[in-house]
Amino acid sequence: MSHSPEADAGLLNEILLGLTSEQKTLPSKLLYDAAGSELFQRITQLPEYYLTRTEKKLLGERAADIVASVPFEPGRGRALVEFGASDESKAVSLLDAAESHFSAYLAIDISPSVLGPIRTRMQVTHPQIKVETLLADFLQPLAIPGTFNEMHMVGFLPGSTVGQFSPATVVKFLENVRRALTGAAQPAFVIGTDQCRDAARLLPAYEDSAGISRAFNLNILSHINRLAGCDLDLNSFGRKVVWDPREERVEMYLESRSVQCARIAGHSIRFAEGETIRTGISYKYGKERFLSIAAAAGWGSAGFWQDSEKLFGIHLLQAR
């Protein structure tokens, strides 16, 4: 099987580095190929998965307040720039809010399969908004299309996406965003954080009874098999989910059911029985902890909203 052109040298390197480390890891962005993105959409609708429901309700109720808290400069267009835009449903809450003043929307995602449909749907539902898409890994420094330079850019990262990265990575990401969005005006950033730190509520959200989370996690192996010409056997791996109270994060692992060997891009990778590959983490950021991370990257708080149970928070950050 030949290497897919999709797997550039950098990505292959990342995969090999992760699988030859003492604690084997895989980059969580590889969870989101077309099949993975579809499985994740199904996860968000599960009864155990409180996150999406809570966030959508909060966004629906508070979108007008959030948008009204972003400084508006008459005469300058306002653009919403969404990071990791698997679909536009959450962005639309902000775009459609009363007095939103948005005239452009940029959807950034690593998965090419989601961007075309976003543009097509938005042209029908929001013909008055100029829609552009950008295929990119948003953890890397970004080049925003020049058409946005004269606009006031408002970043948007919904869901608990920010929880997938270590605090140090979040600082770097927030610095990159600040630089990328600084055009004609100081950027603002609307960002969602999962705040729930109750293991009894959290763990079922990542280990649903229907087994969809398990399928979502195992799909990363299919994706790597395609990308790098590997022969990882999905049936040889189980899955486990752990809550680390000290780090305040959920950790997701695939676990080798036996001693096995896999060929990956010409290398042989050995797995001991019970050895794990960490495929993802999800930090649960309380308000103060998140704001101290944002401050380290040059952002200050300009607003904060949460649901009545304090499960989910929405921060409005302003570049300082």
Protein backbone atom coordinates (compact mmCIF):
# COMPACT_ATOMS: atom_id res chain seq x y z
CA MET A 1 0.00 0.00 0.00
CA SER A 2 1.48 3.34 -1.00
CA HIS A 3 1.61 6.42 1.19
CA SER A 4 -1.28 8.76 0.71
CA PRO A 5 -0.26 12.22 -0.51
CA GLU A 6 -2.31 13.50 2.45
CA ALA A 7 0.33 12.23 4.86
CA ASP A 8 3.10 14.75 4.49
CA ALA A 9 6.52 14.13 6.00
CA GLY A 10 5.72 16.30 9.01
CA LEU A 11 2.61 14.33 9.89
CA LEU A 12 4.35 10.96 9.41
CA ASN A 13 7.08 12.21 11.69
CA GLU A 14 4.52 13.24 14.30
CA ILE A 15 2.86 9.80 14.16
CA LEU A 16 6.18 7.93 14.45
CA LEU A 17 7.44 10.17 17.23
CA GLY A 18 4.23 9.58 19.17
CA LEU A 19 4.27 5.81 18.71
CA THR A 20 7.92 5.43 19.65
CA SER A 21 7.64 7.50 22.86
CA GLU A 22 7.58 5.82 26.26
CA GLN A 23 3.89 6.72 26.60
CA LYS A 24 2.65 6.14 23.06
CA THR A 25 0.46 8.99 21.79
CA LEU A 26 -1.30 10.00 18.58
CA PRO A 27 -2.20 13.59 17.61
CA SER A 28 -5.89 14.08 18.45
CA LYS A 29 -6.42 16.01 15.19
CA LEU A 30 -6.23 12.62 13.43
CA LEU A 31 -9.51 11.64 15.11
CA TYR A 32 -11.32 13.99 12.73
CA ASP A 33 -11.20 12.48 9.26
CA ALA A 34 -14.56 12.29 7.43
CA ALA A 35 -15.67 9.15 9.33
CA GLY A 36 -14.39 10.54 12.65
CA SER A 37 -16.15 13.90 12.17
CA GLU A 38 -19.40 12.04 11.48
CA LEU A 39 -19.00 9.83 14.58
CA PHE A 40 -18.23 12.90 16.68
CA GLN A 41 -21.45 14.58 15.47
CA ARG A 42 -23.30 11.47 16.72
CA ILE A 43 -21.52 11.66 20.10
CA THR A 44 -22.72 15.24 20.57
CA GLN A 45 -26.33 14.02 20.36
CA LEU A 46 -25.99 11.22 22.96
CA PRO A 47 -27.95 11.52 26.21
CA GLU A 48 -24.73 11.15 28.26
CA TYR A 49 -22.96 13.94 26.38
CA TYR A 50 -24.12 17.03 28.33
CA LEU A 51 -21.67 19.37 26.65
CA THR A 52 -23.18 20.27 23.29
CA ARG A 53 -26.75 20.60 24.62
CA THR A 54 -25.59 22.85 27.47
CA GLU A 55 -23.46 25.00 25.21
CA LYS A 56 -26.09 25.40 22.47
CA LYS A 57 -28.71 26.45 25.03
CA LEU A 58 -26.29 28.94 26.61
CA LEU A 59 -25.29 30.34 23.21
CA GLY A 60 -28.94 30.62 22.17
CA GLU A 61 -29.85 32.50 25.33
CA ARG A 62 -26.83 34.77 25.51
CA ALA A 63 -25.68 35.33 21.90
CA ALA A 64 -27.05 38.89 21.81
CA ASP A 65 -25.26 39.76 25.10
CA ILE A 66 -22.02 38.21 23.88
CA VAL A 67 -22.09 40.10 20.58
CA ALA A 68 -23.11 43.35 22.30
CA SER A 69 -20.04 43.04 24.56
CA VAL A 70 -17.66 43.06 21.57
CA PRO A 71 -16.60 46.66 20.84
CA PHE A 72 -18.12 47.80 17.55
CA GLU A 73 -16.53 50.35 15.25
CA PRO A 74 -19.11 51.80 12.84
CA GLY A 75 -17.88 51.96 9.27
CA ARG A 76 -15.68 48.90 9.69
CA GLY A 77 -16.94 45.44 8.71
CA ARG A 78 -17.00 42.78 11.40
CA ALA A 79 -15.89 39.21 10.60
CA LEU A 80 -16.43 36.02 12.60
CA VAL A 81 -13.44 33.66 12.32
CA GLU A 82 -14.25 30.15 13.52
CA PHE A 83 -11.47 27.72 14.43
CA GLY A 84 -12.20 24.01 13.91
CA ALA A 85 -15.50 24.71 12.16
CA SER A 86 -16.92 21.22 11.58
CA ASP A 87 -20.27 22.88 10.82
CA GLU A 88 -21.65 26.40 11.07
CA SER A 89 -24.53 25.74 13.52
CA LYS A 90 -22.90 27.44 16.53
CA ALA A 91 -21.47 30.33 14.51
CA VAL A 92 -24.96 31.06 13.21
CA SER A 93 -26.11 31.83 16.79
CA LEU A 94 -23.67 34.76 16.83
CA LEU A 95 -24.13 35.77 13.18
CA ASP A 96 -27.92 35.92 13.64
CA ALA A 97 -27.91 37.71 17.00
CA ALA A 98 -29.68 41.08 17.08
CA GLU A 99 -27.32 43.94 16.18
CA SER A 100 -24.53 41.46 15.41
CA HIS A 101 -23.03 43.64 12.63
CA PHE A 102 -21.25 40.62 11.08
CA SER A 103 -20.73 40.86 7.33
CA ALA A 104 -18.20 38.05 6.83
CA TYR A 105 -17.51 34.53 8.15
CA LEU A 106 -14.28 32.54 7.83
CA ALA A 107 -14.46 28.81 8.63
CA ILE A 108 -11.08 27.21 9.42
CA ASP A 109 -10.79 23.42 9.66
CA ILE A 110 -8.26 20.64 9.14
CA SER A 111 -10.81 18.40 7.42
CA PRO A 112 -11.46 19.30 3.77
CA SER A 113 -14.70 17.26 3.77
CA VAL A 114 -16.52 19.77 6.03
CA LEU A 115 -15.51 23.10 4.44
CA GLY A 116 -17.22 22.80 1.03
CA PRO A 117 -20.62 21.94 2.55
CA ILE A 118 -20.36 24.86 5.03
CA ARG A 119 -19.82 27.31 2.17
CA THR A 120 -22.66 25.78 0.10
CA ARG A 121 -25.18 25.86 2.97
CA MET A 122 -24.21 29.38 4.06
CA GLN A 123 -24.66 30.75 0.52
CA VAL A 124 -28.28 29.57 0.72
CA THR A 125 -29.09 30.49 4.35
CA HIS A 126 -26.96 33.65 4.72
CA PRO A 127 -26.50 35.19 1.26
CA GLN A 128 -25.78 38.58 2.87
CA ILE A 129 -22.64 37.23 4.59
CA LYS A 130 -19.39 36.82 2.69
CA VAL A 131 -18.20 33.28 3.44
CA GLU A 132 -14.64 32.06 3.02
CA THR A 133 -13.00 28.81 4.13
CA LEU A 134 -9.42 28.01 5.09
CA LEU A 135 -7.98 24.48 5.20
CA ALA A 136 -5.43 24.62 8.03
CA ASP A 137 -4.24 23.11 11.29
CA PHE A 138 -5.12 26.00 13.58
CA LEU A 139 -2.39 25.10 16.07
CA GLN A 140 0.12 26.33 13.48
CA PRO A 141 0.63 30.06 12.77
CA LEU A 142 -2.15 31.11 10.40
CA ALA A 143 -2.30 33.32 7.34
CA ILE A 144 -5.80 34.84 7.33
CA PRO A 145 -7.02 35.75 3.79
CA GLY A 146 -6.16 39.37 2.99
CA THR A 147 -9.80 40.32 2.43
CA PHE A 148 -10.24 40.27 6.23
CA ASN A 149 -7.41 42.69 7.02
CA GLU A 150 -9.60 45.78 6.96
CA MET A 151 -12.25 44.20 9.15
CA HIS A 152 -12.63 43.86 12.90
CA MET A 153 -12.01 40.14 13.42
CA VAL A 154 -13.75 38.22 16.19
CA GLY A 155 -12.35 34.74 16.78
CA PHE A 156 -14.68 31.89 17.75
CA LEU A 157 -13.72 28.51 19.23
CA PRO A 158 -16.84 26.77 20.53
CA GLY A 159 -17.21 23.36 22.14
CA SER A 160 -14.54 22.20 24.53
CA THR A 161 -11.92 22.14 21.75
CA VAL A 162 -9.49 24.22 23.80
CA GLY A 163 -9.51 21.43 26.41
CA GLN A 164 -7.80 19.08 23.96
CA PHE A 165 -4.46 20.84 24.45
CA SER A 166 -2.06 21.25 27.34
CA PRO A 167 -2.04 24.69 29.02
CA ALA A 168 1.35 25.47 27.42
CA THR A 169 -0.05 24.66 23.95
CA VAL A 170 -3.12 26.82 24.64
CA VAL A 171 -0.88 29.80 25.48
CA LYS A 172 0.97 29.34 22.18
CA PHE A 173 -2.31 28.93 20.26
CA LEU A 174 -3.78 32.08 21.84
CA GLU A 175 -0.63 34.04 20.94
CA ASN A 176 -0.86 32.79 17.31
CA VAL A 177 -4.53 33.79 17.15
CA ARG A 178 -3.83 37.24 18.54
CA ARG A 179 -1.23 37.82 15.83
CA ALA A 180 -3.35 36.30 13.03
CA LEU A 181 -6.47 38.34 13.86
CA THR A 182 -4.77 41.69 14.42
CA GLY A 183 -5.86 43.63 11.36
CA ALA A 184 -7.47 47.04 11.44
CA ALA A 185 -8.62 46.67 15.05
CA GLN A 186 -7.71 44.83 18.25
CA PRO A 187 -9.20 41.35 17.93
CA ALA A 188 -11.76 39.78 20.25
CA PHE A 189 -12.17 36.04 20.85
CA VAL A 190 -15.26 34.09 21.94
CA ILE A 191 -14.15 30.76 23.39
CA GLY A 192 -16.00 27.89 25.05
CA THR A 193 -14.68 25.91 28.04
CA ASP A 194 -16.00 22.73 29.60
CA GLN A 195 -15.93 23.39 33.36
CA CYS A 196 -17.42 20.16 34.73
CA ARG A 197 -15.00 18.45 37.12
CA ASP A 198 -17.39 15.83 38.52
CA ALA A 199 -16.08 12.40 37.44
CA ALA A 200 -19.50 10.74 37.86
CA ARG A 201 -20.93 13.08 35.24
CA LEU A 202 -17.86 13.32 33.03
CA LEU A 203 -16.86 9.71 32.44
CA PRO A 204 -20.18 8.52 30.93
CA ALA A 205 -19.92 11.39 28.42
CA TYR A 206 -16.71 9.80 27.11
CA GLU A 207 -17.74 6.14 27.52
CA ASP A 208 -21.31 6.05 26.22
CA SER A 209 -23.45 2.92 26.46
CA ALA A 210 -24.01 2.85 22.67
CA GLY A 211 -20.26 2.46 22.04
CA ILE A 212 -20.02 5.42 19.66
CA SER A 213 -17.14 7.02 21.60
CA ARG A 214 -15.29 3.71 21.32
CA ALA A 215 -15.84 3.60 17.53
CA PHE A 216 -14.74 7.25 17.28
CA ASN A 217 -11.50 6.46 19.11
CA LEU A 218 -10.70 3.29 17.18
CA ASN A 219 -11.30 5.11 13.90
CA ILE A 220 -8.00 6.95 14.45
CA LEU A 221 -6.26 3.63 13.68
CA SER A 222 -8.13 3.29 10.36
CA HIS A 223 -7.13 6.85 9.51
CA ILE A 224 -3.45 6.13 10.23
CA ASN A 225 -3.58 2.88 8.26
CA ARG A 226 -4.75 4.91 5.26
CA LEU A 227 -2.38 7.82 5.81
CA ALA A 228 0.82 5.95 6.43
CA GLY A 229 0.29 2.54 4.88
CA CYS A 230 0.09 0.76 8.25
CA ASP A 231 -1.43 -2.54 9.27
CA LEU A 232 -2.79 -1.72 12.75
CA ASP A 233 -5.53 -4.20 13.66
CA LEU A 234 -8.54 -2.45 15.21
CA ASN A 235 -9.76 -5.68 16.84
CA SER A 236 -6.51 -5.94 18.81
CA PHE A 237 -7.21 -2.76 20.77
CA GLY A 238 -9.62 -1.94 23.56
CA ARG A 239 -10.31 1.50 24.94
CA LYS A 240 -10.16 3.11 28.36
CA VAL A 241 -11.04 6.52 29.77
CA VAL A 242 -9.50 7.99 32.93
CA TRP A 243 -10.19 11.14 34.98
CA ASP A 244 -7.03 12.76 36.40
CA PRO A 245 -8.19 15.01 39.26
CA ARG A 246 -4.77 16.61 39.74
CA GLU A 247 -4.51 17.81 36.13
CA GLU A 248 -8.30 18.26 35.94
CA ARG A 249 -8.49 16.40 32.66
CA VAL A 250 -10.07 13.34 31.04
CA GLU A 251 -7.58 11.05 29.26
CA MET A 252 -8.52 8.67 26.43
CA TYR A 253 -6.47 5.61 25.60
CA LEU A 254 -6.45 2.69 23.20
CA GLU A 255 -5.11 -0.42 24.93
CA SER A 256 -3.30 -3.30 23.21
CA ARG A 257 -5.05 -6.59 23.98
CA SER A 258 -1.95 -8.69 23.31
CA VAL A 259 1.72 -8.51 22.36
CA GLN A 260 1.69 -7.30 18.76
CA CYS A 261 3.77 -5.66 16.10
CA ALA A 262 2.66 -3.15 13.45
CA ARG A 263 4.39 -1.76 10.36
CA ILE A 264 4.14 2.00 10.12
CA ALA A 265 5.73 3.88 7.23
CA GLY A 266 8.45 1.25 6.97
CA HIS A 267 9.08 1.08 10.73
CA SER A 268 8.16 -1.76 13.03
CA ILE A 269 6.30 -0.70 16.20
CA ARG A 270 5.91 -3.18 19.05
CA PHE A 271 3.07 -3.15 21.58
CA ALA A 272 3.18 -5.01 24.89
CA GLU A 273 -0.04 -6.52 26.23
CA GLY A 274 -1.91 -3.77 28.11
CA GLU A 275 0.26 -1.03 26.61
CA THR A 276 -1.69 2.12 25.80
CA ILE A 277 -1.77 4.81 23.11
CA ARG A 278 -3.10 8.11 24.38
CA THR A 279 -5.41 9.48 21.66
CA GLY A 280 -6.77 12.51 23.44
CA ILE A 281 -7.05 14.61 26.56
CA SER A 282 -9.79 16.98 27.64
CA TYR A 283 -8.91 19.59 30.24
CA LYS A 284 -11.83 21.00 32.23
CA TYR A 285 -10.90 24.62 32.73
CA GLY A 286 -12.45 26.53 35.63
CA LYS A 287 -12.89 30.26 34.99
CA GLU A 288 -9.82 31.53 36.91
CA ARG A 289 -7.47 28.89 35.57
CA PHE A 290 -8.50 29.63 31.98
CA LEU A 291 -8.18 33.40 32.41
CA SER A 292 -4.65 33.05 33.79
CA ILE A 293 -3.70 31.03 30.66
CA ALA A 294 -5.30 33.69 28.44
CA ALA A 295 -3.46 36.47 30.30
CA ALA A 296 -0.13 34.73 29.64
CA ALA A 297 -0.92 35.04 25.90
CA GLY A 298 -1.85 38.74 26.04
CA TRP A 299 -5.63 38.50 26.34
CA GLY A 300 -7.87 40.04 29.01
CA SER A 301 -11.44 39.16 29.98
CA ALA A 302 -14.23 41.25 28.45
CA GLY A 303 -17.13 39.02 29.47
CA PHE A 304 -18.08 35.61 30.85
CA TRP A 305 -21.29 33.57 30.71
CA GLN A 306 -22.12 30.15 32.17
CA ASP A 307 -25.17 27.89 32.53
CA SER A 308 -26.98 27.55 35.87
CA GLU A 309 -25.13 24.32 36.73
CA LYS A 310 -21.75 25.90 35.83
CA LEU A 311 -20.99 22.99 33.48
CA PHE A 312 -20.01 25.18 30.55
CA GLY A 313 -18.46 28.64 30.27
CA ILE A 314 -18.18 31.10 27.39
CA HIS A 315 -15.36 33.63 27.63
CA LEU A 316 -15.10 36.84 25.65
CA LEU A 317 -11.42 37.76 25.45
CA GLN A 318 -10.04 41.07 24.24
CA ALA A 319 -6.45 41.44 23.00
CA ARG A 320 -4.55 43.72 25.34
